Amino acid sequence: MLSAASIPGLWYILSSSLLMPINARRHIRKMRGGSQSHLVEGDDGSYYVVKFLNNPQHRRVLVNELISSVFLRYLQISCPEIAMIAIGPEFLKDNPQISLDLGTQSILVETGRHFGSKFPGDPAKLAVYDFLPDILLQKVNNVSDFLACLVFDKWVGNADARQSIFFRARLRDWTGAESTHPLKLGFVALMIDRDRGPDVSVSPDSCDLLLLMLPEGA
């Protein structure tokens, strides 16, 4: 159960994700989904699925993602790391394919900081699946996280179906279990797309405060 004693740990997770924005340096591809996110490479060498501030589903879904991610990581339920991704005018100029479709119109992405979920590896080398057949689900190393996430979804009033991704990786890198052989491979699941929960009312001003709380160059 969360209490006042949990606040320092939650704040540490939140602040460590926001203090150092990561600059987008290379566009990879557009992703599926109503928020029209894009996969980009950051200047830290990692890859991020970026949901933009002016996405068609409203910026409050980014706040939902942010809050849910912090709680999931605090509860040690597997989910992607999060980061603020800075997108500048030069990046957009070099990548005109980055836009948002609203009906028959195509609008430009706003410059500034956007919400990023860390991709689990190099998309050119790592195969990531959004579905596994039943025979392989029993081979997922952290399958118990689905039960934990079910409880979490009920607690926060998540109105969307639970989504996850699967990939093969060295298990010690993702589970931290010292008893696991360093080279042992297995399937890992990450819980993604938490934009329909928590079940709270968030004003546009509050969205700006949460997503842009830090000055440029902080």
N, C-alpha and C. Protein backbone atom coordinates (compact mmCIF):
# COMPACT_ATOMS: atom_id res chain seq x y z
N MET A 1 0.85 -1.20 0.00
CA MET A 1 0.00 0.00 0.00
C MET A 1 0.89 1.25 0.00
N LEU A 2 0.54 2.22 -0.82
CA LEU A 2 1.32 3.44 -0.89
C LEU A 2 0.97 4.36 0.25
N SER A 3 1.96 5.06 0.76
CA SER A 3 1.75 5.97 1.87
C SER A 3 2.64 7.18 1.67
N ALA A 4 2.63 8.08 2.66
CA ALA A 4 3.47 9.26 2.58
C ALA A 4 4.94 8.88 2.47
N ALA A 5 5.31 7.74 3.03
CA ALA A 5 6.70 7.29 2.97
C ALA A 5 7.12 6.94 1.55
N SER A 6 6.14 6.71 0.67
CA SER A 6 6.44 6.36 -0.72
C SER A 6 6.84 7.57 -1.55
N ILE A 7 6.50 8.76 -1.09
CA ILE A 7 6.66 9.96 -1.92
C ILE A 7 8.12 10.19 -2.34
N PRO A 8 9.12 10.07 -1.46
CA PRO A 8 10.50 10.29 -1.92
C PRO A 8 10.90 9.35 -3.06
N GLY A 9 10.51 8.08 -2.97
CA GLY A 9 10.85 7.13 -4.03
C GLY A 9 10.16 7.46 -5.33
N LEU A 10 8.89 7.84 -5.27
CA LEU A 10 8.15 8.22 -6.47
C LEU A 10 8.75 9.47 -7.09
N TRP A 11 9.09 10.45 -6.24
CA TRP A 11 9.66 11.69 -6.75
C TRP A 11 11.02 11.45 -7.40
N TYR A 12 11.80 10.54 -6.84
CA TYR A 12 13.11 10.24 -7.43
C TYR A 12 12.94 9.67 -8.84
N ILE A 13 11.99 8.75 -9.01
CA ILE A 13 11.76 8.16 -10.33
C ILE A 13 11.32 9.24 -11.31
N LEU A 14 10.41 10.12 -10.87
CA LEU A 14 9.91 11.18 -11.74
C LEU A 14 11.01 12.16 -12.12
N SER A 15 11.74 12.64 -11.12
CA SER A 15 12.75 13.67 -11.39
C SER A 15 13.91 13.14 -12.22
N SER A 16 14.29 11.87 -11.99
CA SER A 16 15.40 11.30 -12.76
C SER A 16 15.04 11.15 -14.23
N SER A 17 13.74 11.07 -14.53
CA SER A 17 13.29 10.94 -15.91
C SER A 17 13.15 12.29 -16.60
N LEU A 18 13.04 13.36 -15.82
CA LEU A 18 12.74 14.67 -16.39
C LEU A 18 13.91 15.64 -16.37
N LEU A 19 14.89 15.42 -15.50
CA LEU A 19 15.92 16.42 -15.29
C LEU A 19 16.76 16.68 -16.54
N MET A 20 17.06 15.64 -17.30
CA MET A 20 17.94 15.78 -18.46
C MET A 20 17.20 15.38 -19.73
N PRO A 21 16.56 16.33 -20.40
CA PRO A 21 15.88 16.01 -21.66
C PRO A 21 16.88 15.45 -22.68
N ILE A 22 16.40 14.53 -23.48
CA ILE A 22 17.22 13.89 -24.51
C ILE A 22 16.83 14.47 -25.87
N ASN A 23 17.81 14.88 -26.64
CA ASN A 23 17.56 15.46 -27.95
C ASN A 23 17.34 14.37 -29.00
N ALA A 24 16.29 14.52 -29.79
CA ALA A 24 16.06 13.60 -30.91
C ALA A 24 17.08 13.90 -32.00
N ARG A 25 17.73 12.85 -32.52
CA ARG A 25 18.75 13.09 -33.56
C ARG A 25 18.49 12.31 -34.85
N ARG A 26 17.63 11.26 -34.79
CA ARG A 26 17.36 10.50 -36.02
C ARG A 26 15.97 9.91 -35.97
N HIS A 27 15.22 10.09 -37.05
CA HIS A 27 13.88 9.52 -37.14
C HIS A 27 13.96 8.11 -37.71
N ILE A 28 13.23 7.18 -37.07
CA ILE A 28 13.26 5.78 -37.52
C ILE A 28 11.99 5.45 -38.32
N ARG A 29 10.84 5.56 -37.68
CA ARG A 29 9.59 5.25 -38.38
C ARG A 29 8.40 5.70 -37.53
N LYS A 30 7.26 5.79 -38.20
CA LYS A 30 6.01 6.07 -37.51
C LYS A 30 5.47 4.79 -36.92
N MET A 31 4.87 4.87 -35.73
CA MET A 31 4.31 3.71 -35.06
C MET A 31 2.80 3.65 -35.29
N ARG A 32 2.21 2.51 -34.99
CA ARG A 32 0.77 2.38 -35.08
C ARG A 32 0.11 3.00 -33.85
N GLY A 33 -1.19 3.28 -33.97
CA GLY A 33 -1.92 3.77 -32.80
C GLY A 33 -2.52 5.14 -32.99
N GLY A 34 -3.54 5.43 -32.19
CA GLY A 34 -4.28 6.67 -32.31
C GLY A 34 -3.49 7.90 -31.94
N SER A 35 -2.47 7.76 -31.10
CA SER A 35 -1.69 8.94 -30.71
C SER A 35 -0.65 9.33 -31.76
N GLN A 36 -0.47 8.46 -32.77
CA GLN A 36 0.45 8.72 -33.89
C GLN A 36 1.87 9.01 -33.41
N SER A 37 2.37 8.14 -32.58
CA SER A 37 3.73 8.28 -32.06
C SER A 37 4.75 7.88 -33.13
N HIS A 38 6.00 8.29 -32.90
CA HIS A 38 7.10 7.99 -33.82
C HIS A 38 8.27 7.42 -33.04
N LEU A 39 9.00 6.53 -33.68
CA LEU A 39 10.21 5.98 -33.09
C LEU A 39 11.40 6.81 -33.54
N VAL A 40 12.16 7.33 -32.56
CA VAL A 40 13.32 8.16 -32.88
C VAL A 40 14.53 7.70 -32.08
N GLU A 41 15.70 8.02 -32.58
CA GLU A 41 16.93 7.78 -31.84
C GLU A 41 17.32 9.06 -31.12
N GLY A 42 17.68 8.92 -29.84
CA GLY A 42 18.10 10.07 -29.06
C GLY A 42 19.60 10.27 -29.11
N ASP A 43 20.05 11.43 -28.65
CA ASP A 43 21.49 11.69 -28.68
C ASP A 43 22.25 10.93 -27.60
N ASP A 44 21.52 10.13 -26.81
CA ASP A 44 22.17 9.24 -25.85
C ASP A 44 22.42 7.86 -26.45
N GLY A 45 22.05 7.66 -27.72
CA GLY A 45 22.26 6.38 -28.39
C GLY A 45 21.12 5.40 -28.21
N SER A 46 20.11 5.74 -27.41
CA SER A 46 18.96 4.87 -27.21
C SER A 46 17.82 5.29 -28.13
N TYR A 47 16.80 4.45 -28.18
CA TYR A 47 15.66 4.69 -29.06
C TYR A 47 14.40 4.88 -28.22
N TYR A 48 13.52 5.76 -28.69
CA TYR A 48 12.33 6.11 -27.91
C TYR A 48 11.10 6.19 -28.80
N VAL A 49 9.99 5.66 -28.28
CA VAL A 49 8.69 5.86 -28.91
C VAL A 49 8.15 7.17 -28.35
N VAL A 50 8.00 8.17 -29.21
CA VAL A 50 7.67 9.52 -28.76
C VAL A 50 6.22 9.85 -29.07
N LYS A 51 5.50 10.26 -28.03
CA LYS A 51 4.14 10.78 -28.19
C LYS A 51 4.23 12.30 -28.06
N PHE A 52 3.65 12.99 -29.02
CA PHE A 52 3.84 14.43 -29.10
C PHE A 52 2.80 15.20 -28.28
N LEU A 53 3.20 16.40 -27.87
CA LEU A 53 2.31 17.24 -27.07
C LEU A 53 0.99 17.51 -27.77
N ASN A 54 1.04 17.76 -29.07
CA ASN A 54 -0.18 18.09 -29.80
C ASN A 54 -0.74 16.88 -30.55
N ASN A 55 -0.62 15.69 -29.93
CA ASN A 55 -1.15 14.48 -30.55
C ASN A 55 -2.68 14.53 -30.60
N PRO A 56 -3.30 13.77 -31.50
CA PRO A 56 -4.75 13.85 -31.69
C PRO A 56 -5.58 13.46 -30.47
N GLN A 57 -4.98 12.75 -29.51
CA GLN A 57 -5.73 12.31 -28.34
C GLN A 57 -5.62 13.27 -27.16
N HIS A 58 -5.00 14.43 -27.35
CA HIS A 58 -4.82 15.46 -26.33
C HIS A 58 -3.61 15.17 -25.45
N ARG A 59 -2.99 16.22 -24.99
CA ARG A 59 -1.77 16.07 -24.20
C ARG A 59 -2.02 15.47 -22.84
N ARG A 60 -3.28 15.39 -22.40
CA ARG A 60 -3.52 14.77 -21.09
C ARG A 60 -3.17 13.28 -21.10
N VAL A 61 -3.17 12.64 -22.29
CA VAL A 61 -2.79 11.23 -22.32
C VAL A 61 -1.31 11.07 -21.99
N LEU A 62 -0.51 12.11 -22.25
CA LEU A 62 0.90 12.06 -21.89
C LEU A 62 1.08 12.12 -20.38
N VAL A 63 0.22 12.90 -19.72
CA VAL A 63 0.26 12.96 -18.26
C VAL A 63 -0.13 11.61 -17.67
N ASN A 64 -1.15 10.97 -18.25
CA ASN A 64 -1.53 9.64 -17.79
C ASN A 64 -0.37 8.67 -17.93
N GLU A 65 0.31 8.73 -19.08
CA GLU A 65 1.47 7.87 -19.30
C GLU A 65 2.56 8.13 -18.26
N LEU A 66 2.82 9.40 -18.01
CA LEU A 66 3.86 9.79 -17.07
C LEU A 66 3.56 9.29 -15.66
N ILE A 67 2.35 9.56 -15.19
CA ILE A 67 1.98 9.16 -13.83
C ILE A 67 1.98 7.64 -13.69
N SER A 68 1.38 6.95 -14.65
CA SER A 68 1.31 5.49 -14.57
C SER A 68 2.70 4.87 -14.63
N SER A 69 3.58 5.42 -15.47
CA SER A 69 4.94 4.88 -15.57
C SER A 69 5.68 4.99 -14.25
N VAL A 70 5.52 6.12 -13.58
CA VAL A 70 6.21 6.32 -12.30
C VAL A 70 5.72 5.29 -11.28
N PHE A 71 4.41 5.08 -11.21
CA PHE A 71 3.88 4.11 -10.26
C PHE A 71 4.31 2.69 -10.61
N LEU A 72 4.25 2.34 -11.89
CA LEU A 72 4.64 0.98 -12.28
C LEU A 72 6.09 0.70 -11.95
N ARG A 73 6.96 1.65 -12.21
CA ARG A 73 8.37 1.44 -11.90
C ARG A 73 8.59 1.36 -10.39
N TYR A 74 7.86 2.17 -9.65
CA TYR A 74 7.98 2.11 -8.19
C TYR A 74 7.52 0.75 -7.66
N LEU A 75 6.47 0.19 -8.27
CA LEU A 75 5.93 -1.10 -7.87
C LEU A 75 6.71 -2.27 -8.48
N GLN A 76 7.75 -1.96 -9.24
CA GLN A 76 8.63 -2.96 -9.85
C GLN A 76 7.88 -3.88 -10.82
N ILE A 77 6.95 -3.27 -11.57
CA ILE A 77 6.26 -3.95 -12.66
C ILE A 77 6.96 -3.53 -13.94
N SER A 78 7.33 -4.50 -14.76
CA SER A 78 8.16 -4.20 -15.94
C SER A 78 7.45 -3.28 -16.92
N CYS A 79 8.09 -2.17 -17.21
CA CYS A 79 7.57 -1.21 -18.18
C CYS A 79 8.76 -0.42 -18.72
N PRO A 80 8.61 0.25 -19.85
CA PRO A 80 9.74 1.00 -20.41
C PRO A 80 10.15 2.16 -19.51
N GLU A 81 11.44 2.48 -19.56
CA GLU A 81 11.89 3.71 -18.93
C GLU A 81 11.29 4.89 -19.70
N ILE A 82 11.15 6.02 -19.02
CA ILE A 82 10.56 7.19 -19.67
C ILE A 82 11.57 8.33 -19.70
N ALA A 83 11.35 9.25 -20.63
CA ALA A 83 12.25 10.40 -20.75
C ALA A 83 11.50 11.52 -21.46
N MET A 84 11.97 12.73 -21.25
CA MET A 84 11.50 13.86 -22.02
C MET A 84 12.39 13.98 -23.27
N ILE A 85 11.76 13.97 -24.43
CA ILE A 85 12.49 14.03 -25.69
C ILE A 85 12.33 15.43 -26.29
N ALA A 86 13.44 16.12 -26.45
CA ALA A 86 13.42 17.48 -27.00
C ALA A 86 13.51 17.42 -28.52
N ILE A 87 12.54 18.06 -29.17
CA ILE A 87 12.50 18.10 -30.62
C ILE A 87 12.55 19.56 -31.07
N GLY A 88 13.59 19.88 -31.81
CA GLY A 88 13.79 21.27 -32.24
C GLY A 88 13.40 21.48 -33.68
N PRO A 89 13.39 22.74 -34.11
CA PRO A 89 12.99 23.07 -35.48
C PRO A 89 13.88 22.44 -36.54
N GLU A 90 15.19 22.30 -36.25
CA GLU A 90 16.09 21.72 -37.24
C GLU A 90 15.77 20.25 -37.47
N PHE A 91 15.43 19.54 -36.39
CA PHE A 91 15.09 18.12 -36.52
C PHE A 91 13.84 17.96 -37.35
N LEU A 92 12.84 18.80 -37.12
CA LEU A 92 11.60 18.73 -37.89
C LEU A 92 11.83 19.11 -39.35
N LYS A 93 12.72 20.08 -39.57
CA LYS A 93 13.03 20.49 -40.95
C LYS A 93 13.70 19.35 -41.71
N ASP A 94 14.58 18.61 -41.03
CA ASP A 94 15.28 17.50 -41.66
C ASP A 94 14.41 16.26 -41.82
N ASN A 95 13.27 16.21 -41.11
CA ASN A 95 12.39 15.05 -41.13
C ASN A 95 10.95 15.48 -41.39
N PRO A 96 10.65 15.92 -42.59
CA PRO A 96 9.30 16.43 -42.90
C PRO A 96 8.22 15.37 -42.79
N GLN A 97 8.61 14.09 -42.75
CA GLN A 97 7.62 13.02 -42.62
C GLN A 97 7.00 12.97 -41.22
N ILE A 98 7.57 13.71 -40.28
CA ILE A 98 7.01 13.75 -38.93
C ILE A 98 5.89 14.77 -38.90
N SER A 99 4.67 14.27 -38.91
CA SER A 99 3.50 15.14 -38.86
C SER A 99 2.36 14.36 -38.23
N LEU A 100 1.26 15.03 -38.00
CA LEU A 100 0.08 14.42 -37.39
C LEU A 100 -1.10 14.58 -38.33
N ASP A 101 -1.85 13.50 -38.50
CA ASP A 101 -3.01 13.51 -39.38
C ASP A 101 -4.28 13.75 -38.56
N LEU A 102 -4.98 14.82 -38.88
CA LEU A 102 -6.26 15.13 -38.25
C LEU A 102 -7.31 15.20 -39.35
N GLY A 103 -8.04 14.09 -39.53
CA GLY A 103 -8.99 14.03 -40.62
C GLY A 103 -8.27 14.08 -41.94
N THR A 104 -8.62 15.07 -42.75
CA THR A 104 -7.97 15.22 -44.06
C THR A 104 -6.79 16.17 -44.01
N GLN A 105 -6.50 16.69 -42.81
CA GLN A 105 -5.41 17.65 -42.66
C GLN A 105 -4.18 17.01 -42.05
N SER A 106 -3.03 17.55 -42.41
CA SER A 106 -1.77 17.15 -41.82
C SER A 106 -1.17 18.37 -41.12
N ILE A 107 -0.91 18.22 -39.81
CA ILE A 107 -0.41 19.36 -39.05
C ILE A 107 1.01 19.07 -38.56
N LEU A 108 1.74 20.14 -38.32
CA LEU A 108 3.12 20.02 -37.88
C LEU A 108 3.18 19.66 -36.40
N VAL A 109 4.21 18.93 -36.04
CA VAL A 109 4.48 18.63 -34.63
C VAL A 109 5.06 19.87 -33.96
N GLU A 110 4.64 20.15 -32.76
CA GLU A 110 5.18 21.29 -32.03
C GLU A 110 6.62 21.03 -31.62
N THR A 111 7.43 22.08 -31.62
CA THR A 111 8.77 21.96 -31.06
C THR A 111 8.66 21.98 -29.54
N GLY A 112 9.67 21.42 -28.87
CA GLY A 112 9.66 21.40 -27.41
C GLY A 112 9.89 19.99 -26.88
N ARG A 113 9.43 19.76 -25.68
CA ARG A 113 9.63 18.48 -25.00
C ARG A 113 8.39 17.61 -25.14
N HIS A 114 8.64 16.34 -25.45
CA HIS A 114 7.57 15.39 -25.66
C HIS A 114 7.83 14.14 -24.82
N PHE A 115 6.82 13.30 -24.70
CA PHE A 115 6.93 12.11 -23.85
C PHE A 115 7.55 10.95 -24.62
N GLY A 116 8.60 10.36 -24.05
CA GLY A 116 9.26 9.24 -24.70
C GLY A 116 9.27 7.99 -23.84
N SER A 117 8.95 6.84 -24.45
CA SER A 117 9.09 5.53 -23.81
C SER A 117 10.28 4.83 -24.46
N LYS A 118 11.20 4.38 -23.66
CA LYS A 118 12.43 3.80 -24.20
C LYS A 118 12.16 2.46 -24.88
N PHE A 119 12.61 2.35 -26.12
CA PHE A 119 12.53 1.10 -26.86
C PHE A 119 13.57 0.15 -26.29
N PRO A 120 13.26 -1.17 -26.21
CA PRO A 120 14.17 -2.07 -25.48
C PRO A 120 15.50 -2.38 -26.15
N GLY A 121 15.76 -1.83 -27.31
CA GLY A 121 17.04 -2.08 -27.97
C GLY A 121 17.09 -1.40 -29.33
N ASP A 122 18.09 -1.78 -30.11
CA ASP A 122 18.23 -1.25 -31.46
C ASP A 122 17.19 -1.91 -32.35
N PRO A 123 16.25 -1.13 -32.92
CA PRO A 123 15.19 -1.74 -33.73
C PRO A 123 15.70 -2.46 -34.98
N ALA A 124 16.93 -2.18 -35.38
CA ALA A 124 17.51 -2.88 -36.53
C ALA A 124 18.03 -4.26 -36.15
N LYS A 125 18.20 -4.50 -34.87
CA LYS A 125 18.78 -5.77 -34.40
C LYS A 125 17.84 -6.57 -33.51
N LEU A 126 16.91 -5.89 -32.83
CA LEU A 126 16.04 -6.57 -31.86
C LEU A 126 14.63 -6.73 -32.41
N ALA A 127 14.15 -7.96 -32.43
CA ALA A 127 12.77 -8.23 -32.85
C ALA A 127 11.84 -8.04 -31.66
N VAL A 128 10.86 -7.17 -31.81
CA VAL A 128 9.90 -6.88 -30.75
C VAL A 128 8.51 -7.26 -31.25
N TYR A 129 7.77 -8.03 -30.44
CA TYR A 129 6.47 -8.54 -30.83
C TYR A 129 5.39 -7.95 -29.93
N ASP A 130 4.22 -7.71 -30.49
CA ASP A 130 3.09 -7.28 -29.65
C ASP A 130 2.13 -8.43 -29.39
N PHE A 131 2.53 -9.65 -29.80
CA PHE A 131 1.70 -10.84 -29.58
C PHE A 131 2.61 -12.06 -29.55
N LEU A 132 2.30 -13.00 -28.65
CA LEU A 132 2.96 -14.29 -28.62
C LEU A 132 1.89 -15.38 -28.58
N PRO A 133 2.10 -16.48 -29.30
CA PRO A 133 1.15 -17.60 -29.20
C PRO A 133 1.18 -18.19 -27.80
N ASP A 134 0.08 -18.83 -27.42
CA ASP A 134 -0.07 -19.37 -26.06
C ASP A 134 1.09 -20.29 -25.67
N ILE A 135 1.60 -21.04 -26.63
CA ILE A 135 2.65 -21.99 -26.30
C ILE A 135 3.94 -21.31 -25.86
N LEU A 136 4.11 -20.04 -26.28
CA LEU A 136 5.31 -19.29 -25.90
C LEU A 136 5.10 -18.42 -24.67
N LEU A 137 3.84 -18.13 -24.33
CA LEU A 137 3.59 -17.27 -23.17
C LEU A 137 4.16 -17.86 -21.89
N GLN A 138 4.12 -19.19 -21.78
CA GLN A 138 4.67 -19.82 -20.58
C GLN A 138 6.18 -19.67 -20.47
N LYS A 139 6.80 -19.26 -21.57
CA LYS A 139 8.25 -19.06 -21.56
C LYS A 139 8.64 -17.61 -21.24
N VAL A 140 7.65 -16.74 -21.04
CA VAL A 140 7.93 -15.36 -20.67
C VAL A 140 8.43 -15.33 -19.24
N ASN A 141 9.60 -14.78 -19.03
CA ASN A 141 10.25 -14.85 -17.72
C ASN A 141 9.48 -14.12 -16.63
N ASN A 142 8.85 -13.00 -16.97
CA ASN A 142 8.17 -12.18 -15.97
C ASN A 142 6.65 -12.19 -16.17
N VAL A 143 6.10 -13.37 -16.50
CA VAL A 143 4.67 -13.47 -16.79
C VAL A 143 3.82 -13.06 -15.58
N SER A 144 4.37 -13.16 -14.37
CA SER A 144 3.61 -12.76 -13.17
C SER A 144 3.31 -11.26 -13.16
N ASP A 145 4.05 -10.48 -13.96
CA ASP A 145 3.79 -9.04 -14.03
C ASP A 145 2.41 -8.74 -14.61
N PHE A 146 1.87 -9.66 -15.40
CA PHE A 146 0.54 -9.43 -15.96
C PHE A 146 -0.52 -9.41 -14.86
N LEU A 147 -0.37 -10.29 -13.88
CA LEU A 147 -1.31 -10.30 -12.75
C LEU A 147 -1.15 -9.03 -11.93
N ALA A 148 0.10 -8.63 -11.68
CA ALA A 148 0.34 -7.40 -10.92
C ALA A 148 -0.22 -6.19 -11.66
N CYS A 149 -0.08 -6.20 -12.99
CA CYS A 149 -0.56 -5.05 -13.77
C CYS A 149 -2.09 -5.04 -13.85
N LEU A 150 -2.73 -6.19 -13.79
CA LEU A 150 -4.18 -6.24 -13.73
C LEU A 150 -4.68 -5.54 -12.48
N VAL A 151 -4.04 -5.81 -11.35
CA VAL A 151 -4.41 -5.14 -10.10
C VAL A 151 -4.18 -3.64 -10.23
N PHE A 152 -3.04 -3.27 -10.82
CA PHE A 152 -2.72 -1.85 -10.99
C PHE A 152 -3.77 -1.16 -11.87
N ASP A 153 -4.15 -1.80 -12.99
CA ASP A 153 -5.12 -1.20 -13.91
C ASP A 153 -6.46 -0.97 -13.22
N LYS A 154 -6.86 -1.92 -12.39
CA LYS A 154 -8.12 -1.76 -11.65
C LYS A 154 -8.01 -0.63 -10.64
N TRP A 155 -6.83 -0.52 -10.03
CA TRP A 155 -6.63 0.50 -8.99
C TRP A 155 -6.70 1.91 -9.57
N VAL A 156 -6.06 2.11 -10.74
CA VAL A 156 -6.01 3.46 -11.33
C VAL A 156 -7.17 3.72 -12.28
N GLY A 157 -8.03 2.72 -12.51
CA GLY A 157 -9.17 2.92 -13.40
C GLY A 157 -8.77 3.01 -14.86
N ASN A 158 -7.79 2.20 -15.27
CA ASN A 158 -7.37 2.19 -16.66
C ASN A 158 -8.53 1.76 -17.55
N ALA A 159 -8.92 2.62 -18.48
CA ALA A 159 -10.07 2.34 -19.34
C ALA A 159 -9.69 1.68 -20.65
N ASP A 160 -8.43 1.37 -20.85
CA ASP A 160 -7.96 0.78 -22.09
C ASP A 160 -7.56 -0.67 -21.86
N ALA A 161 -7.56 -1.46 -22.93
CA ALA A 161 -7.11 -2.84 -22.82
C ALA A 161 -5.60 -2.85 -22.53
N ARG A 162 -5.17 -3.78 -21.71
CA ARG A 162 -3.75 -3.87 -21.38
C ARG A 162 -2.95 -4.26 -22.62
N GLN A 163 -1.90 -3.50 -22.89
CA GLN A 163 -1.03 -3.78 -24.03
C GLN A 163 0.38 -4.06 -23.53
N SER A 164 1.08 -4.90 -24.26
CA SER A 164 2.44 -5.25 -23.87
C SER A 164 3.24 -5.59 -25.12
N ILE A 165 4.55 -5.59 -24.95
CA ILE A 165 5.45 -6.03 -26.01
C ILE A 165 6.34 -7.13 -25.46
N PHE A 166 6.85 -7.97 -26.37
CA PHE A 166 7.68 -9.10 -25.98
C PHE A 166 8.95 -9.10 -26.83
N PHE A 167 10.04 -9.54 -26.22
CA PHE A 167 11.31 -9.64 -26.95
C PHE A 167 12.21 -10.61 -26.21
N ARG A 168 13.21 -11.13 -26.91
CA ARG A 168 14.20 -12.03 -26.29
C ARG A 168 15.43 -11.22 -25.92
N ALA A 169 15.91 -11.45 -24.71
CA ALA A 169 17.07 -10.71 -24.23
C ALA A 169 17.77 -11.51 -23.15
N ARG A 170 18.94 -11.04 -22.76
CA ARG A 170 19.63 -11.65 -21.61
C ARG A 170 18.83 -11.31 -20.35
N LEU A 171 18.39 -12.35 -19.67
CA LEU A 171 17.44 -12.16 -18.58
C LEU A 171 18.04 -11.37 -17.42
N ARG A 172 19.31 -11.55 -17.15
CA ARG A 172 19.89 -10.82 -16.03
C ARG A 172 19.85 -9.31 -16.26
N ASP A 173 19.94 -8.88 -17.52
CA ASP A 173 19.90 -7.45 -17.83
C ASP A 173 18.54 -6.84 -17.50
N TRP A 174 17.48 -7.66 -17.50
CA TRP A 174 16.13 -7.14 -17.33
C TRP A 174 15.52 -7.52 -16.00
N THR A 175 15.94 -8.64 -15.41
CA THR A 175 15.35 -9.07 -14.13
C THR A 175 16.22 -8.69 -12.95
N GLY A 176 17.54 -8.54 -13.18
CA GLY A 176 18.44 -8.22 -12.08
C GLY A 176 18.71 -9.39 -11.15
N ALA A 177 18.23 -10.58 -11.51
CA ALA A 177 18.41 -11.74 -10.63
C ALA A 177 19.85 -12.24 -10.74
N GLU A 178 20.57 -12.18 -9.63
CA GLU A 178 21.97 -12.60 -9.63
C GLU A 178 22.11 -14.10 -9.86
N SER A 179 21.07 -14.87 -9.56
CA SER A 179 21.14 -16.32 -9.73
C SER A 179 21.02 -16.75 -11.18
N THR A 180 20.60 -15.82 -12.05
CA THR A 180 20.46 -16.13 -13.47
C THR A 180 21.81 -16.06 -14.17
N HIS A 181 22.10 -17.04 -15.01
CA HIS A 181 23.36 -17.04 -15.75
C HIS A 181 23.43 -15.79 -16.63
N PRO A 182 24.59 -15.12 -16.66
CA PRO A 182 24.71 -13.86 -17.40
C PRO A 182 24.34 -13.95 -18.87
N LEU A 183 24.50 -15.13 -19.47
CA LEU A 183 24.25 -15.28 -20.90
C LEU A 183 22.91 -15.94 -21.22
N LYS A 184 22.13 -16.26 -20.21
CA LYS A 184 20.85 -16.94 -20.45
C LYS A 184 19.86 -16.00 -21.13
N LEU A 185 19.26 -16.48 -22.22
CA LEU A 185 18.28 -15.71 -22.96
C LEU A 185 16.87 -16.18 -22.65
N GLY A 186 15.91 -15.27 -22.78
CA GLY A 186 14.52 -15.63 -22.56
C GLY A 186 13.62 -14.50 -23.00
N PHE A 187 12.33 -14.77 -23.03
CA PHE A 187 11.36 -13.74 -23.38
C PHE A 187 11.07 -12.84 -22.18
N VAL A 188 10.98 -11.55 -22.46
CA VAL A 188 10.63 -10.55 -21.45
C VAL A 188 9.43 -9.76 -21.97
N ALA A 189 8.52 -9.41 -21.06
CA ALA A 189 7.37 -8.58 -21.42
C ALA A 189 7.49 -7.22 -20.76
N LEU A 190 7.13 -6.18 -21.50
CA LEU A 190 7.05 -4.83 -20.96
C LEU A 190 5.62 -4.32 -21.15
N MET A 191 5.07 -3.71 -20.09
CA MET A 191 3.72 -3.16 -20.15
C MET A 191 3.79 -1.76 -20.77
N ILE A 192 3.00 -1.55 -21.81
CA ILE A 192 3.07 -0.28 -22.55
C ILE A 192 1.69 0.36 -22.66
N ASP A 193 1.66 1.57 -23.20
CA ASP A 193 0.42 2.31 -23.48
C ASP A 193 -0.50 2.39 -22.27
N ARG A 194 -0.18 3.39 -21.43
CA ARG A 194 -0.95 3.59 -20.20
C ARG A 194 -1.69 4.92 -20.26
N ASP A 195 -2.13 5.31 -21.48
CA ASP A 195 -2.67 6.66 -21.66
C ASP A 195 -4.13 6.81 -21.29
N ARG A 196 -4.83 5.74 -20.89
CA ARG A 196 -6.23 5.85 -20.48
C ARG A 196 -6.39 5.74 -18.96
N GLY A 197 -5.35 5.87 -18.22
CA GLY A 197 -5.38 5.83 -16.77
C GLY A 197 -4.17 6.57 -16.27
N PRO A 198 -4.16 7.10 -15.05
CA PRO A 198 -5.16 6.99 -13.99
C PRO A 198 -6.47 7.72 -14.32
N ASP A 199 -7.52 7.33 -13.61
CA ASP A 199 -8.84 7.90 -13.82
C ASP A 199 -8.95 9.20 -13.04
N VAL A 200 -8.31 10.25 -13.59
CA VAL A 200 -8.34 11.55 -12.94
C VAL A 200 -8.66 12.61 -13.99
N SER A 201 -9.16 13.74 -13.53
CA SER A 201 -9.42 14.86 -14.43
C SER A 201 -8.23 15.80 -14.39
N VAL A 202 -7.61 16.01 -15.56
CA VAL A 202 -6.42 16.84 -15.64
C VAL A 202 -6.68 18.00 -16.58
N SER A 203 -6.46 19.21 -16.10
CA SER A 203 -6.69 20.40 -16.92
C SER A 203 -5.52 20.61 -17.85
N PRO A 204 -5.71 21.33 -18.95
CA PRO A 204 -4.58 21.64 -19.85
C PRO A 204 -3.43 22.34 -19.15
N ASP A 205 -3.76 23.25 -18.20
CA ASP A 205 -2.70 23.94 -17.48
C ASP A 205 -1.87 22.97 -16.66
N SER A 206 -2.54 21.98 -16.05
CA SER A 206 -1.82 20.97 -15.26
C SER A 206 -0.94 20.13 -16.16
N CYS A 207 -1.42 19.83 -17.38
CA CYS A 207 -0.60 19.08 -18.33
C CYS A 207 0.70 19.82 -18.63
N ASP A 208 0.56 21.12 -18.89
CA ASP A 208 1.75 21.93 -19.18
C ASP A 208 2.71 21.92 -18.00
N LEU A 209 2.16 22.00 -16.78
CA LEU A 209 3.00 22.04 -15.60
C LEU A 209 3.77 20.75 -15.42
N LEU A 210 3.12 19.62 -15.64
CA LEU A 210 3.78 18.34 -15.45
C LEU A 210 4.79 18.03 -16.53
N LEU A 211 4.44 18.35 -17.78
CA LEU A 211 5.30 17.99 -18.90
C LEU A 211 6.40 19.00 -19.18
N LEU A 212 6.20 20.22 -18.75
CA LEU A 212 7.17 21.27 -19.06
C LEU A 212 7.64 21.95 -17.78
N MET A 213 7.69 21.22 -16.70
CA MET A 213 7.99 21.81 -15.39
C MET A 213 9.41 22.35 -15.28
N LEU A 214 10.28 21.86 -16.13
CA LEU A 214 11.66 22.28 -16.03
C LEU A 214 12.02 23.23 -17.15
N PRO A 215 12.79 24.28 -16.87
CA PRO A 215 13.17 25.22 -17.92
C PRO A 215 14.11 24.59 -18.92
N GLU A 216 14.15 25.13 -20.14
CA GLU A 216 15.07 24.62 -21.15
C GLU A 216 16.50 24.74 -20.64
N GLY A 217 17.25 23.66 -20.88
CA GLY A 217 18.66 23.67 -20.49
C GLY A 217 18.89 23.30 -19.04
N ALA A 218 17.81 22.84 -18.34
CA ALA A 218 18.00 22.47 -16.94
C ALA A 218 18.90 21.25 -16.83
